[in-house]
């Protein structure tokens, strides 16, 4: 049974769910299998279909995976924020604060999440040129997004995290994944949602991201965003 959502509603309300995950309700294997079946209908470079989905529901294994998630979080580092990054992140008042509040909530309850989905793709891209990176990531990202859309349509919530990154090799060992052959692309908590009434997110206006025929910078990010 799926929710009564139009394609536009599904696309605009599939949120990164952290604070509204139902930790007490198991997710049936059949639903996860349906989502994987739909995920593998996504485009794939050269029809190689190198995607894999490791689903963790067994209690002891979930605890081991959750422990890696918690230890990896403080190790995660990203590229330094630019002035434009900060401007976009704070374009709508408190939006970024809510994101990090949700992350703290998820971390506190990560051991209670009923299922973890760790998507993988055959072929590592460590230090590879952009052309190689684009082909590999372009084959796994659409599949994972399709999985998340399918989950939303079935009343399930997900959030894409990269918590596996700093401890990917350790996670691969726990999961029995051949690290040298398969890259773990993400770490996706999965659960039923508390309610299904999700709304579109507030984003920066179209004119800041749409470029027609050639690149244009638009409004300088030093401009004061609306509140």
N, C-alpha and C. Protein backbone atom coordinates (compact mmCIF):
# COMPACT_ATOMS: atom_id res chain seq x y z
N UNK A 1 0.86 -1.19 0.00
CA UNK A 1 0.00 0.00 0.00
C UNK A 1 0.89 1.24 0.00
N UNK A 2 0.59 2.17 -0.88
CA UNK A 2 1.40 3.39 -0.96
C UNK A 2 0.55 4.60 -0.64
N UNK A 3 1.23 5.70 -0.29
CA UNK A 3 0.55 6.94 0.03
C UNK A 3 -0.03 7.55 -1.25
N UNK A 4 -1.08 8.34 -1.08
CA UNK A 4 -1.74 9.01 -2.20
C UNK A 4 -1.00 10.30 -2.51
N UNK A 5 0.11 10.18 -3.23
CA UNK A 5 0.93 11.33 -3.57
C UNK A 5 1.09 11.44 -5.07
N UNK A 6 0.99 12.65 -5.60
CA UNK A 6 1.30 12.86 -7.01
C UNK A 6 2.83 12.80 -7.17
N UNK A 7 3.31 12.62 -8.40
CA UNK A 7 4.76 12.63 -8.60
C UNK A 7 5.43 13.90 -8.05
N UNK A 8 4.82 15.06 -8.27
CA UNK A 8 5.40 16.30 -7.76
C UNK A 8 5.42 16.32 -6.24
N UNK A 9 4.36 15.84 -5.61
CA UNK A 9 4.34 15.78 -4.15
C UNK A 9 5.40 14.84 -3.62
N UNK A 10 5.57 13.69 -4.27
CA UNK A 10 6.57 12.73 -3.83
C UNK A 10 7.97 13.34 -3.93
N UNK A 11 8.25 14.01 -5.05
CA UNK A 11 9.57 14.58 -5.26
C UNK A 11 9.87 15.73 -4.31
N UNK A 12 8.84 16.50 -3.96
CA UNK A 12 9.07 17.71 -3.15
C UNK A 12 8.90 17.48 -1.66
N UNK A 13 8.47 16.28 -1.25
CA UNK A 13 8.27 16.04 0.19
C UNK A 13 9.04 14.83 0.69
N UNK A 14 9.96 14.32 -0.10
CA UNK A 14 10.84 13.26 0.39
C UNK A 14 11.99 13.93 1.13
N UNK A 15 11.81 14.05 2.42
CA UNK A 15 12.72 14.80 3.26
C UNK A 15 13.78 13.90 3.88
N UNK A 16 14.84 14.53 4.37
CA UNK A 16 15.82 13.84 5.21
C UNK A 16 15.19 13.75 6.60
N UNK A 17 14.71 12.58 6.96
CA UNK A 17 13.93 12.41 8.19
C UNK A 17 14.86 11.94 9.31
N UNK A 18 14.90 12.70 10.38
CA UNK A 18 15.73 12.35 11.53
C UNK A 18 14.92 12.32 12.83
N UNK A 19 14.14 13.37 13.06
CA UNK A 19 13.41 13.47 14.33
C UNK A 19 12.05 12.77 14.29
N UNK A 20 11.61 12.38 13.11
CA UNK A 20 10.29 11.75 13.00
C UNK A 20 10.37 10.30 12.54
N UNK A 21 11.44 9.63 12.91
CA UNK A 21 11.56 8.20 12.64
C UNK A 21 10.92 7.43 13.79
N UNK A 22 10.15 6.42 13.46
CA UNK A 22 9.49 5.59 14.47
C UNK A 22 10.45 4.44 14.85
N UNK A 23 11.09 4.57 15.99
CA UNK A 23 12.08 3.59 16.41
C UNK A 23 11.47 2.30 16.94
N UNK A 24 10.19 2.29 17.18
CA UNK A 24 9.55 1.14 17.83
C UNK A 24 8.78 0.24 16.87
N UNK A 25 8.78 0.57 15.60
CA UNK A 25 7.99 -0.20 14.64
C UNK A 25 8.90 -0.88 13.62
N UNK A 26 8.97 -2.19 13.61
CA UNK A 26 9.82 -2.88 12.64
C UNK A 26 9.38 -2.60 11.20
N UNK A 27 10.33 -2.62 10.29
CA UNK A 27 10.04 -2.44 8.87
C UNK A 27 10.03 -3.81 8.20
N UNK A 28 8.92 -4.21 7.59
CA UNK A 28 8.86 -5.53 6.96
C UNK A 28 9.90 -5.68 5.84
N UNK A 29 10.49 -6.85 5.78
CA UNK A 29 11.47 -7.13 4.73
C UNK A 29 10.86 -6.94 3.35
N UNK A 30 9.58 -7.29 3.20
CA UNK A 30 8.95 -7.19 1.88
C UNK A 30 8.93 -5.75 1.37
N UNK A 31 8.74 -4.78 2.26
CA UNK A 31 8.73 -3.38 1.84
C UNK A 31 10.12 -2.94 1.37
N UNK A 32 11.13 -3.37 2.11
CA UNK A 32 12.50 -3.01 1.73
C UNK A 32 12.84 -3.63 0.38
N UNK A 33 12.41 -4.86 0.17
CA UNK A 33 12.66 -5.52 -1.11
C UNK A 33 11.96 -4.79 -2.25
N UNK A 34 10.74 -4.30 -2.01
CA UNK A 34 10.04 -3.52 -3.04
C UNK A 34 10.84 -2.26 -3.39
N UNK A 35 11.37 -1.60 -2.37
CA UNK A 35 12.14 -0.37 -2.59
C UNK A 35 13.42 -0.67 -3.38
N UNK A 36 14.06 -1.78 -3.08
CA UNK A 36 15.27 -2.15 -3.81
C UNK A 36 14.93 -2.48 -5.27
N UNK A 37 13.81 -3.17 -5.48
CA UNK A 37 13.40 -3.48 -6.86
C UNK A 37 13.21 -2.21 -7.68
N UNK A 38 12.62 -1.19 -7.06
CA UNK A 38 12.43 0.08 -7.76
C UNK A 38 13.76 0.82 -7.91
N UNK A 39 14.61 0.72 -6.93
CA UNK A 39 15.92 1.39 -7.00
C UNK A 39 16.72 0.89 -8.19
N UNK A 40 16.63 -0.40 -8.46
CA UNK A 40 17.42 -0.97 -9.55
C UNK A 40 16.80 -0.74 -10.93
N UNK A 41 15.73 0.06 -10.97
CA UNK A 41 15.22 0.54 -12.25
C UNK A 41 15.86 1.87 -12.63
N UNK A 42 16.72 2.41 -11.78
CA UNK A 42 17.37 3.69 -12.05
C UNK A 42 18.37 3.55 -13.20
N UNK A 43 18.74 4.68 -13.82
CA UNK A 43 19.76 4.63 -14.88
C UNK A 43 21.08 4.12 -14.31
N UNK A 44 21.86 3.47 -15.16
CA UNK A 44 23.16 2.95 -14.74
C UNK A 44 24.13 3.04 -15.90
N UNK A 45 25.32 3.57 -15.63
CA UNK A 45 26.30 3.76 -16.69
C UNK A 45 26.68 2.48 -17.39
N UNK A 46 26.55 2.48 -18.73
CA UNK A 46 26.89 1.35 -19.59
C UNK A 46 26.16 0.06 -19.20
N UNK A 47 25.06 0.21 -18.51
CA UNK A 47 24.25 -0.93 -18.08
C UNK A 47 25.04 -1.91 -17.22
N UNK A 48 26.02 -1.40 -16.47
CA UNK A 48 26.87 -2.28 -15.66
C UNK A 48 26.18 -2.76 -14.39
N UNK A 49 25.21 -1.98 -13.88
CA UNK A 49 24.41 -2.40 -12.73
C UNK A 49 25.29 -2.87 -11.57
N UNK A 50 26.22 -2.05 -11.19
CA UNK A 50 27.19 -2.43 -10.15
C UNK A 50 26.69 -2.11 -8.73
N UNK A 51 25.44 -1.77 -8.60
CA UNK A 51 24.90 -1.37 -7.30
C UNK A 51 24.67 -2.57 -6.38
N UNK A 52 24.74 -2.29 -5.07
CA UNK A 52 24.44 -3.29 -4.03
C UNK A 52 23.79 -2.55 -2.86
N UNK A 53 22.93 -3.27 -2.14
CA UNK A 53 22.28 -2.70 -0.96
C UNK A 53 22.44 -3.69 0.20
N UNK A 54 23.18 -3.28 1.21
CA UNK A 54 23.34 -4.11 2.41
C UNK A 54 22.33 -3.60 3.44
N UNK A 55 21.37 -4.43 3.80
CA UNK A 55 20.33 -4.05 4.76
C UNK A 55 20.62 -4.74 6.09
N UNK A 56 20.65 -3.97 7.16
CA UNK A 56 20.98 -4.50 8.48
C UNK A 56 19.78 -4.34 9.40
N UNK A 57 19.23 -5.48 9.86
CA UNK A 57 18.09 -5.46 10.78
C UNK A 57 18.33 -6.33 12.01
N UNK A 58 19.26 -7.28 11.95
CA UNK A 58 19.51 -8.18 13.07
C UNK A 58 20.05 -7.35 14.25
N UNK A 59 19.50 -7.51 15.45
CA UNK A 59 19.83 -6.62 16.58
C UNK A 59 21.32 -6.47 16.88
N UNK A 60 22.06 -7.56 16.99
CA UNK A 60 23.47 -7.46 17.32
C UNK A 60 24.25 -6.75 16.20
N UNK A 61 23.91 -7.04 14.97
CA UNK A 61 24.57 -6.39 13.84
C UNK A 61 24.21 -4.91 13.79
N UNK A 62 22.96 -4.59 14.09
CA UNK A 62 22.56 -3.17 14.14
C UNK A 62 23.36 -2.42 15.20
N UNK A 63 23.56 -3.03 16.35
CA UNK A 63 24.33 -2.36 17.41
C UNK A 63 25.76 -2.11 16.97
N UNK A 64 26.35 -3.09 16.29
CA UNK A 64 27.72 -2.93 15.81
C UNK A 64 27.82 -1.80 14.78
N UNK A 65 26.84 -1.76 13.87
CA UNK A 65 26.84 -0.74 12.83
C UNK A 65 26.55 0.64 13.43
N UNK A 66 25.63 0.70 14.38
CA UNK A 66 25.30 1.97 15.04
C UNK A 66 26.52 2.51 15.78
N UNK A 67 27.30 1.63 16.39
CA UNK A 67 28.49 2.06 17.11
C UNK A 67 29.50 2.69 16.15
N UNK A 68 29.64 2.13 14.97
CA UNK A 68 30.54 2.71 13.97
C UNK A 68 30.04 4.09 13.55
N UNK A 69 28.73 4.21 13.36
CA UNK A 69 28.12 5.50 13.00
C UNK A 69 28.50 6.57 14.03
N UNK A 70 28.34 6.24 15.30
CA UNK A 70 28.60 7.22 16.36
C UNK A 70 30.08 7.59 16.43
N UNK A 71 30.96 6.62 16.25
CA UNK A 71 32.39 6.92 16.31
C UNK A 71 32.88 7.66 15.08
N UNK A 72 32.18 7.48 13.96
CA UNK A 72 32.59 8.13 12.72
C UNK A 72 32.17 9.60 12.67
N UNK A 73 31.05 9.94 13.32
CA UNK A 73 30.53 11.31 13.22
C UNK A 73 31.56 12.38 13.56
N UNK A 74 32.24 12.30 14.71
CA UNK A 74 33.21 13.37 15.03
C UNK A 74 34.45 13.36 14.15
N UNK A 75 34.64 12.30 13.37
CA UNK A 75 35.81 12.21 12.50
C UNK A 75 35.54 12.80 11.12
N UNK A 76 34.26 13.01 10.81
CA UNK A 76 33.89 13.49 9.48
C UNK A 76 34.33 14.94 9.29
N UNK A 77 34.99 15.20 8.19
CA UNK A 77 35.40 16.56 7.85
C UNK A 77 34.98 16.83 6.42
N UNK A 78 34.63 18.07 6.16
CA UNK A 78 34.24 18.45 4.82
C UNK A 78 35.12 19.58 4.32
N UNK A 79 34.84 20.02 3.10
CA UNK A 79 35.58 21.15 2.57
C UNK A 79 35.23 22.40 3.37
N UNK A 80 36.15 23.34 3.52
CA UNK A 80 35.85 24.57 4.25
C UNK A 80 34.65 25.29 3.62
N UNK A 81 33.84 25.91 4.46
CA UNK A 81 32.67 26.64 3.98
C UNK A 81 33.10 27.96 3.34
N UNK A 82 32.49 28.27 2.20
CA UNK A 82 32.72 29.56 1.56
C UNK A 82 31.70 30.56 2.08
N UNK A 83 31.91 31.81 1.74
CA UNK A 83 30.94 32.85 2.12
C UNK A 83 29.58 32.54 1.51
N UNK A 84 29.58 32.05 0.27
CA UNK A 84 28.32 31.70 -0.38
C UNK A 84 27.64 30.53 0.32
N UNK A 85 28.42 29.54 0.78
CA UNK A 85 27.84 28.42 1.51
C UNK A 85 27.09 28.91 2.73
N UNK A 86 27.74 29.75 3.51
CA UNK A 86 27.13 30.25 4.76
C UNK A 86 25.87 31.05 4.44
N UNK A 87 25.93 31.83 3.37
CA UNK A 87 24.76 32.64 2.97
C UNK A 87 23.58 31.74 2.62
N UNK A 88 23.84 30.68 1.83
CA UNK A 88 22.77 29.77 1.44
C UNK A 88 22.23 28.99 2.64
N UNK A 89 23.13 28.56 3.50
CA UNK A 89 22.73 27.77 4.66
C UNK A 89 21.82 28.55 5.61
N UNK A 90 22.00 29.87 5.59
CA UNK A 90 21.23 30.71 6.51
C UNK A 90 20.23 31.60 5.80
N UNK A 91 19.92 31.26 4.55
CA UNK A 91 18.98 32.08 3.79
C UNK A 91 17.63 32.14 4.48
N UNK A 92 17.17 31.01 5.02
CA UNK A 92 15.95 30.98 5.80
C UNK A 92 16.32 30.80 7.27
N UNK A 93 15.74 31.61 8.10
CA UNK A 93 16.10 31.65 9.51
C UNK A 93 16.00 30.27 10.16
N UNK A 94 17.01 29.90 10.87
CA UNK A 94 17.06 28.69 11.71
C UNK A 94 17.02 27.38 10.93
N UNK A 95 17.05 27.43 9.59
CA UNK A 95 16.93 26.16 8.84
C UNK A 95 18.11 25.24 9.12
N UNK A 96 19.32 25.79 9.13
CA UNK A 96 20.49 24.97 9.39
C UNK A 96 20.53 24.49 10.83
N UNK A 97 20.08 25.35 11.75
CA UNK A 97 20.01 24.92 13.16
C UNK A 97 19.11 23.70 13.31
N UNK A 98 18.00 23.67 12.57
CA UNK A 98 17.09 22.53 12.65
C UNK A 98 17.73 21.27 12.10
N UNK A 99 18.55 21.42 11.06
CA UNK A 99 19.23 20.27 10.49
C UNK A 99 20.16 19.64 11.53
N UNK A 100 20.96 20.46 12.19
CA UNK A 100 21.91 19.92 13.16
C UNK A 100 21.21 19.43 14.42
N UNK A 101 20.09 20.05 14.77
CA UNK A 101 19.30 19.53 15.89
C UNK A 101 18.78 18.14 15.56
N UNK A 102 18.34 17.95 14.32
CA UNK A 102 17.87 16.64 13.89
C UNK A 102 18.99 15.61 13.89
N UNK A 103 20.19 16.03 13.50
CA UNK A 103 21.33 15.12 13.50
C UNK A 103 21.66 14.68 14.92
N UNK A 104 21.62 15.61 15.86
CA UNK A 104 21.89 15.25 17.26
C UNK A 104 20.84 14.27 17.77
N UNK A 105 19.59 14.48 17.39
CA UNK A 105 18.52 13.56 17.80
C UNK A 105 18.76 12.17 17.22
N UNK A 106 19.13 12.12 15.94
CA UNK A 106 19.38 10.83 15.31
C UNK A 106 20.54 10.12 15.98
N UNK A 107 21.61 10.84 16.26
CA UNK A 107 22.77 10.23 16.90
C UNK A 107 22.41 9.67 18.27
N UNK A 108 21.58 10.39 19.01
CA UNK A 108 21.18 9.94 20.34
C UNK A 108 20.41 8.63 20.26
N UNK A 109 19.63 8.45 19.20
CA UNK A 109 18.74 7.29 19.10
C UNK A 109 19.16 6.31 18.00
N UNK A 110 20.38 6.43 17.50
CA UNK A 110 20.77 5.62 16.35
C UNK A 110 20.66 4.12 16.63
N UNK A 111 20.88 3.71 17.87
CA UNK A 111 20.80 2.29 18.20
C UNK A 111 19.37 1.75 18.12
N UNK A 112 18.40 2.65 18.07
CA UNK A 112 17.00 2.23 18.04
C UNK A 112 16.44 2.16 16.62
N UNK A 113 17.17 2.64 15.65
CA UNK A 113 16.68 2.62 14.26
C UNK A 113 16.49 1.16 13.83
N UNK A 114 15.32 0.80 13.31
CA UNK A 114 15.04 -0.61 13.02
C UNK A 114 15.79 -1.20 11.83
N UNK A 115 16.25 -0.34 10.92
CA UNK A 115 16.97 -0.87 9.75
C UNK A 115 17.97 0.17 9.25
N UNK A 116 19.12 -0.34 8.83
CA UNK A 116 20.11 0.49 8.16
C UNK A 116 20.28 -0.04 6.74
N UNK A 117 20.36 0.88 5.79
CA UNK A 117 20.60 0.51 4.40
C UNK A 117 21.93 1.14 3.99
N UNK A 118 22.88 0.30 3.64
CA UNK A 118 24.20 0.79 3.22
C UNK A 118 24.37 0.44 1.75
N UNK A 119 24.17 1.41 0.86
CA UNK A 119 24.35 1.15 -0.57
C UNK A 119 25.82 1.10 -0.93
N UNK A 120 26.17 0.20 -1.83
CA UNK A 120 27.54 0.10 -2.30
C UNK A 120 27.59 0.02 -3.81
N UNK A 121 28.77 0.28 -4.34
CA UNK A 121 28.95 0.20 -5.79
C UNK A 121 30.31 -0.43 -6.06
N UNK A 122 30.33 -1.36 -7.00
CA UNK A 122 31.58 -2.03 -7.36
C UNK A 122 32.52 -1.04 -8.03
N UNK A 123 33.77 -1.04 -7.59
CA UNK A 123 34.77 -0.16 -8.18
C UNK A 123 35.03 1.05 -7.30
N UNK A 124 36.25 1.18 -6.81
CA UNK A 124 36.59 2.31 -5.96
C UNK A 124 37.02 3.51 -6.82
N UNK A 125 36.74 4.72 -6.31
CA UNK A 125 37.11 5.92 -7.06
C UNK A 125 38.15 6.75 -6.32
N UNK A 126 38.82 6.16 -5.32
CA UNK A 126 39.84 6.89 -4.58
C UNK A 126 40.88 7.50 -5.53
N UNK A 127 41.00 8.83 -5.48
CA UNK A 127 42.00 9.57 -6.27
C UNK A 127 41.78 9.44 -7.78
N UNK A 128 40.61 9.01 -8.20
CA UNK A 128 40.33 8.87 -9.63
C UNK A 128 39.99 10.23 -10.24
N UNK A 129 40.19 10.41 -11.55
CA UNK A 129 39.81 11.67 -12.21
C UNK A 129 38.30 11.86 -12.22
N UNK A 130 37.89 13.09 -12.47
CA UNK A 130 36.46 13.42 -12.44
C UNK A 130 35.66 12.55 -13.39
N UNK A 131 36.20 12.24 -14.55
CA UNK A 131 35.45 11.45 -15.52
C UNK A 131 35.10 10.07 -14.95
N UNK A 132 36.00 9.48 -14.18
CA UNK A 132 35.73 8.18 -13.56
C UNK A 132 34.76 8.35 -12.40
N UNK A 133 35.00 9.37 -11.59
CA UNK A 133 34.12 9.64 -10.45
C UNK A 133 32.68 9.81 -10.92
N UNK A 134 32.50 10.59 -11.97
CA UNK A 134 31.15 10.89 -12.47
C UNK A 134 30.43 9.62 -12.90
N UNK A 135 31.14 8.73 -13.57
CA UNK A 135 30.50 7.52 -14.04
C UNK A 135 30.07 6.60 -12.91
N UNK A 136 30.92 6.45 -11.90
CA UNK A 136 30.60 5.56 -10.79
C UNK A 136 29.51 6.14 -9.92
N UNK A 137 29.68 7.39 -9.50
CA UNK A 137 28.67 8.00 -8.63
C UNK A 137 27.36 8.22 -9.36
N UNK A 138 27.44 8.47 -10.66
CA UNK A 138 26.23 8.64 -11.44
C UNK A 138 25.43 7.36 -11.60
N UNK A 139 26.05 6.24 -11.26
CA UNK A 139 25.33 4.97 -11.34
C UNK A 139 24.75 4.52 -10.00
N UNK A 140 25.25 5.06 -8.89
CA UNK A 140 24.71 4.64 -7.59
C UNK A 140 23.78 5.69 -6.99
N UNK A 141 24.07 6.98 -7.21
CA UNK A 141 23.23 8.02 -6.61
C UNK A 141 21.78 7.98 -7.09
N UNK A 142 21.50 7.85 -8.39
CA UNK A 142 20.10 7.76 -8.81
C UNK A 142 19.39 6.56 -8.19
N UNK A 143 20.10 5.44 -8.05
CA UNK A 143 19.48 4.25 -7.48
C UNK A 143 19.11 4.46 -6.02
N UNK A 144 19.99 5.10 -5.27
CA UNK A 144 19.70 5.34 -3.85
C UNK A 144 18.56 6.35 -3.70
N UNK A 145 18.56 7.37 -4.54
CA UNK A 145 17.47 8.35 -4.48
C UNK A 145 16.14 7.68 -4.83
N UNK A 146 16.15 6.79 -5.81
CA UNK A 146 14.94 6.04 -6.13
C UNK A 146 14.49 5.20 -4.95
N UNK A 147 15.44 4.59 -4.25
CA UNK A 147 15.11 3.83 -3.04
C UNK A 147 14.42 4.74 -2.02
N UNK A 148 14.94 5.94 -1.84
CA UNK A 148 14.39 6.87 -0.84
C UNK A 148 13.00 7.36 -1.25
N UNK A 149 12.79 7.57 -2.53
CA UNK A 149 11.47 7.96 -3.02
C UNK A 149 10.47 6.83 -2.81
N UNK A 150 10.90 5.60 -3.13
CA UNK A 150 10.02 4.45 -2.94
C UNK A 150 9.69 4.26 -1.47
N UNK A 151 10.65 4.51 -0.60
CA UNK A 151 10.41 4.39 0.83
C UNK A 151 9.38 5.43 1.29
N UNK A 152 9.55 6.66 0.84
CA UNK A 152 8.60 7.73 1.20
C UNK A 152 7.18 7.36 0.78
N UNK A 153 7.04 6.80 -0.43
CA UNK A 153 5.73 6.43 -0.95
C UNK A 153 5.07 5.35 -0.09
N UNK A 154 5.88 4.61 0.68
CA UNK A 154 5.36 3.53 1.52
C UNK A 154 5.31 3.91 2.99
N UNK A 155 5.41 5.21 3.28
CA UNK A 155 5.32 5.66 4.66
C UNK A 155 6.59 5.49 5.45
N UNK A 156 7.71 5.28 4.75
CA UNK A 156 9.00 5.11 5.41
C UNK A 156 9.83 6.37 5.26
N UNK A 157 10.70 6.60 6.25
CA UNK A 157 11.57 7.76 6.22
C UNK A 157 13.02 7.35 6.09
N UNK A 158 13.81 8.17 5.42
CA UNK A 158 15.23 7.93 5.23
C UNK A 158 15.98 9.24 5.39
N UNK A 159 17.28 9.13 5.56
CA UNK A 159 18.14 10.30 5.45
C UNK A 159 19.49 9.83 4.93
N UNK A 160 19.97 10.50 3.91
CA UNK A 160 21.29 10.17 3.35
C UNK A 160 22.34 10.73 4.29
N UNK A 161 23.21 9.89 4.82
CA UNK A 161 24.34 10.37 5.60
C UNK A 161 25.62 9.80 4.99
N UNK A 162 26.73 10.44 5.30
CA UNK A 162 28.04 9.95 4.86
C UNK A 162 28.86 9.50 6.05
N UNK A 163 28.18 9.04 7.09
CA UNK A 163 28.85 8.64 8.33
C UNK A 163 29.81 7.47 8.11
N UNK A 164 29.60 6.72 7.04
CA UNK A 164 30.48 5.57 6.80
C UNK A 164 31.88 6.01 6.37
N UNK A 165 32.00 7.24 5.88
CA UNK A 165 33.24 7.69 5.27
C UNK A 165 34.50 7.48 6.09
N UNK A 166 34.59 8.10 7.29
CA UNK A 166 35.83 8.00 8.04
C UNK A 166 36.18 6.58 8.48
N UNK A 167 35.18 5.74 8.67
CA UNK A 167 35.41 4.37 9.12
C UNK A 167 34.87 3.35 8.11
N UNK A 168 34.95 3.69 6.83
CA UNK A 168 34.39 2.83 5.80
C UNK A 168 35.00 1.44 5.82
N UNK A 169 36.31 1.37 5.98
CA UNK A 169 36.98 0.06 5.96
C UNK A 169 36.48 -0.81 7.12
N UNK A 170 36.32 -0.21 8.31
CA UNK A 170 35.84 -0.97 9.47
C UNK A 170 34.40 -1.42 9.24
N UNK A 171 33.57 -0.54 8.69
CA UNK A 171 32.19 -0.91 8.40
C UNK A 171 32.14 -2.04 7.38
N UNK A 172 32.97 -1.96 6.36
CA UNK A 172 33.02 -3.01 5.35
C UNK A 172 33.38 -4.35 5.99
N UNK A 173 34.31 -4.32 6.93
CA UNK A 173 34.71 -5.56 7.60
C UNK A 173 33.56 -6.15 8.40
N UNK A 174 32.84 -5.30 9.13
CA UNK A 174 31.70 -5.77 9.92
C UNK A 174 30.63 -6.37 9.02
N UNK A 175 30.44 -5.77 7.86
CA UNK A 175 29.39 -6.22 6.94
C UNK A 175 29.85 -7.33 6.00
N UNK A 176 31.14 -7.66 6.04
CA UNK A 176 31.66 -8.68 5.13
C UNK A 176 31.79 -8.20 3.70
N UNK A 177 31.90 -6.89 3.51
CA UNK A 177 32.01 -6.31 2.17
C UNK A 177 33.49 -6.28 1.75
N UNK A 178 33.84 -6.71 0.56
CA UNK A 178 35.24 -6.65 0.10
C UNK A 178 35.64 -5.20 -0.19
N UNK A 179 36.32 -4.58 0.76
CA UNK A 179 36.62 -3.15 0.70
C UNK A 179 37.36 -2.75 -0.57
N UNK A 180 38.29 -3.56 -1.03
CA UNK A 180 39.08 -3.20 -2.20
C UNK A 180 38.30 -3.29 -3.50
N UNK A 181 37.11 -3.89 -3.44
CA UNK A 181 36.32 -4.08 -4.65
C UNK A 181 35.02 -3.27 -4.66
N UNK A 182 34.51 -2.95 -3.48
CA UNK A 182 33.20 -2.28 -3.37
C UNK A 182 33.33 -1.04 -2.49
N UNK A 183 32.80 0.07 -2.97
CA UNK A 183 32.80 1.32 -2.22
C UNK A 183 31.44 1.52 -1.56
N UNK A 184 31.45 1.72 -0.25
CA UNK A 184 30.21 1.99 0.47
C UNK A 184 29.87 3.47 0.28
N UNK A 185 28.75 3.72 -0.40
CA UNK A 185 28.44 5.07 -0.88
C UNK A 185 27.73 5.94 0.14
N UNK A 186 27.01 5.32 1.07
CA UNK A 186 26.22 6.11 2.02
C UNK A 186 25.83 5.23 3.20
N UNK A 187 25.22 5.87 4.18
CA UNK A 187 24.71 5.19 5.37
C UNK A 187 23.30 5.73 5.59
N UNK A 188 22.28 4.92 5.32
CA UNK A 188 20.90 5.41 5.29
C UNK A 188 20.06 4.74 6.39
N UNK A 189 19.74 5.46 7.47
CA UNK A 189 18.77 4.93 8.45
C UNK A 189 17.39 4.84 7.80
N UNK A 190 16.64 3.79 8.16
CA UNK A 190 15.32 3.55 7.56
C UNK A 190 14.33 3.16 8.64
N UNK A 191 13.17 3.81 8.65
CA UNK A 191 12.12 3.50 9.62
C UNK A 191 10.81 4.06 9.11
N UNK A 192 9.71 3.57 9.67
CA UNK A 192 8.44 4.24 9.43
C UNK A 192 8.53 5.66 9.98
N UNK A 193 7.74 6.55 9.40
CA UNK A 193 7.74 7.93 9.90
C UNK A 193 6.58 8.14 10.87
N UNK A 194 6.78 9.08 11.77
CA UNK A 194 5.72 9.50 12.68
C UNK A 194 4.87 10.52 11.94
N UNK A 195 3.78 10.06 11.37
CA UNK A 195 2.98 10.90 10.48
C UNK A 195 3.58 10.90 9.09
N UNK A 196 2.79 11.30 8.12
CA UNK A 196 3.26 11.31 6.73
C UNK A 196 3.11 12.69 6.08
N UNK A 197 2.80 13.70 6.89
CA UNK A 197 2.48 15.03 6.36
C UNK A 197 3.74 15.89 6.21
N UNK A 198 4.63 15.47 5.34
CA UNK A 198 5.84 16.26 5.11
C UNK A 198 5.58 17.33 4.05
N UNK A 199 6.30 18.44 4.18
CA UNK A 199 6.10 19.58 3.29
C UNK A 199 7.38 19.86 2.51
N UNK A 200 7.27 20.60 1.41
CA UNK A 200 8.49 21.01 0.69
C UNK A 200 9.39 21.84 1.59
N UNK A 201 10.68 21.72 1.40
CA UNK A 201 11.65 22.50 2.18
C UNK A 201 11.74 23.92 1.65
N UNK A 202 12.13 24.82 2.49
CA UNK A 202 12.39 26.20 2.06
C UNK A 202 13.81 26.24 1.47
N UNK A 203 13.90 26.67 0.25
CA UNK A 203 15.18 26.73 -0.44
C UNK A 203 15.46 28.15 -0.93
N UNK A 204 16.70 28.37 -1.37
CA UNK A 204 17.01 29.66 -1.95
C UNK A 204 16.27 29.79 -3.28
N UNK A 205 15.97 31.01 -3.72
CA UNK A 205 15.17 31.21 -4.94
C UNK A 205 15.84 30.62 -6.18
N UNK A 206 15.02 30.31 -7.16
CA UNK A 206 15.49 29.71 -8.42
C UNK A 206 16.58 30.54 -9.08
N UNK A 207 16.48 31.86 -9.03
CA UNK A 207 17.43 32.70 -9.75
C UNK A 207 18.87 32.54 -9.25
N UNK A 208 19.04 31.95 -8.08
CA UNK A 208 20.39 31.74 -7.56
C UNK A 208 21.00 30.41 -8.03
N UNK A 209 20.21 29.57 -8.67
CA UNK A 209 20.74 28.27 -9.09
C UNK A 209 20.54 27.98 -10.59
N UNK A 210 19.67 28.74 -11.24
CA UNK A 210 19.37 28.48 -12.65
C UNK A 210 20.22 29.38 -13.55
N UNK A 211 20.93 28.75 -14.47
CA UNK A 211 21.79 29.47 -15.42
C UNK A 211 21.33 29.11 -16.82
N UNK A 212 21.10 30.13 -17.65
CA UNK A 212 20.53 29.89 -18.97
C UNK A 212 21.56 30.23 -20.04
N UNK A 213 21.94 29.23 -20.83
CA UNK A 213 22.90 29.35 -21.92
C UNK A 213 24.35 29.52 -21.45
N UNK A 214 24.58 30.26 -20.38
CA UNK A 214 25.93 30.42 -19.84
C UNK A 214 25.85 30.76 -18.36
N UNK A 215 26.96 30.60 -17.67
CA UNK A 215 27.02 30.82 -16.22
C UNK A 215 26.80 32.30 -15.90
N UNK A 216 25.99 32.54 -14.86
CA UNK A 216 25.81 33.90 -14.35
C UNK A 216 25.81 33.83 -12.83
N UNK A 217 26.44 34.78 -12.20
CA UNK A 217 26.59 34.72 -10.75
C UNK A 217 25.37 35.20 -9.99
N UNK A 218 24.58 36.06 -10.56
CA UNK A 218 23.37 36.52 -9.87
C UNK A 218 23.72 37.40 -8.68
N UNK A 219 22.82 37.44 -7.73
CA UNK A 219 22.99 38.31 -6.56
C UNK A 219 24.18 37.85 -5.73
N UNK A 220 24.97 38.81 -5.29
CA UNK A 220 26.13 38.49 -4.47
C UNK A 220 25.67 37.97 -3.11
N UNK A 221 26.30 36.92 -2.62
CA UNK A 221 25.85 36.33 -1.36
C UNK A 221 26.01 37.22 -0.14
N UNK A 222 26.66 38.39 -0.30
CA UNK A 222 26.76 39.31 0.84
C UNK A 222 25.42 40.00 1.09
N UNK A 223 24.51 39.89 0.12
CA UNK A 223 23.21 40.52 0.30
C UNK A 223 22.48 39.86 1.47
N UNK A 224 21.76 40.65 2.21
CA UNK A 224 21.06 40.15 3.39
C UNK A 224 19.88 39.27 2.96
N UNK A 225 19.86 38.01 3.40
CA UNK A 225 18.73 37.13 3.02
C UNK A 225 17.47 37.51 3.76
N UNK A 226 16.31 37.15 3.22
CA UNK A 226 15.06 37.41 3.92
C UNK A 226 14.95 36.54 5.17
N UNK A 227 14.16 37.00 6.13
CA UNK A 227 13.97 36.26 7.38
C UNK A 227 12.55 35.81 7.53
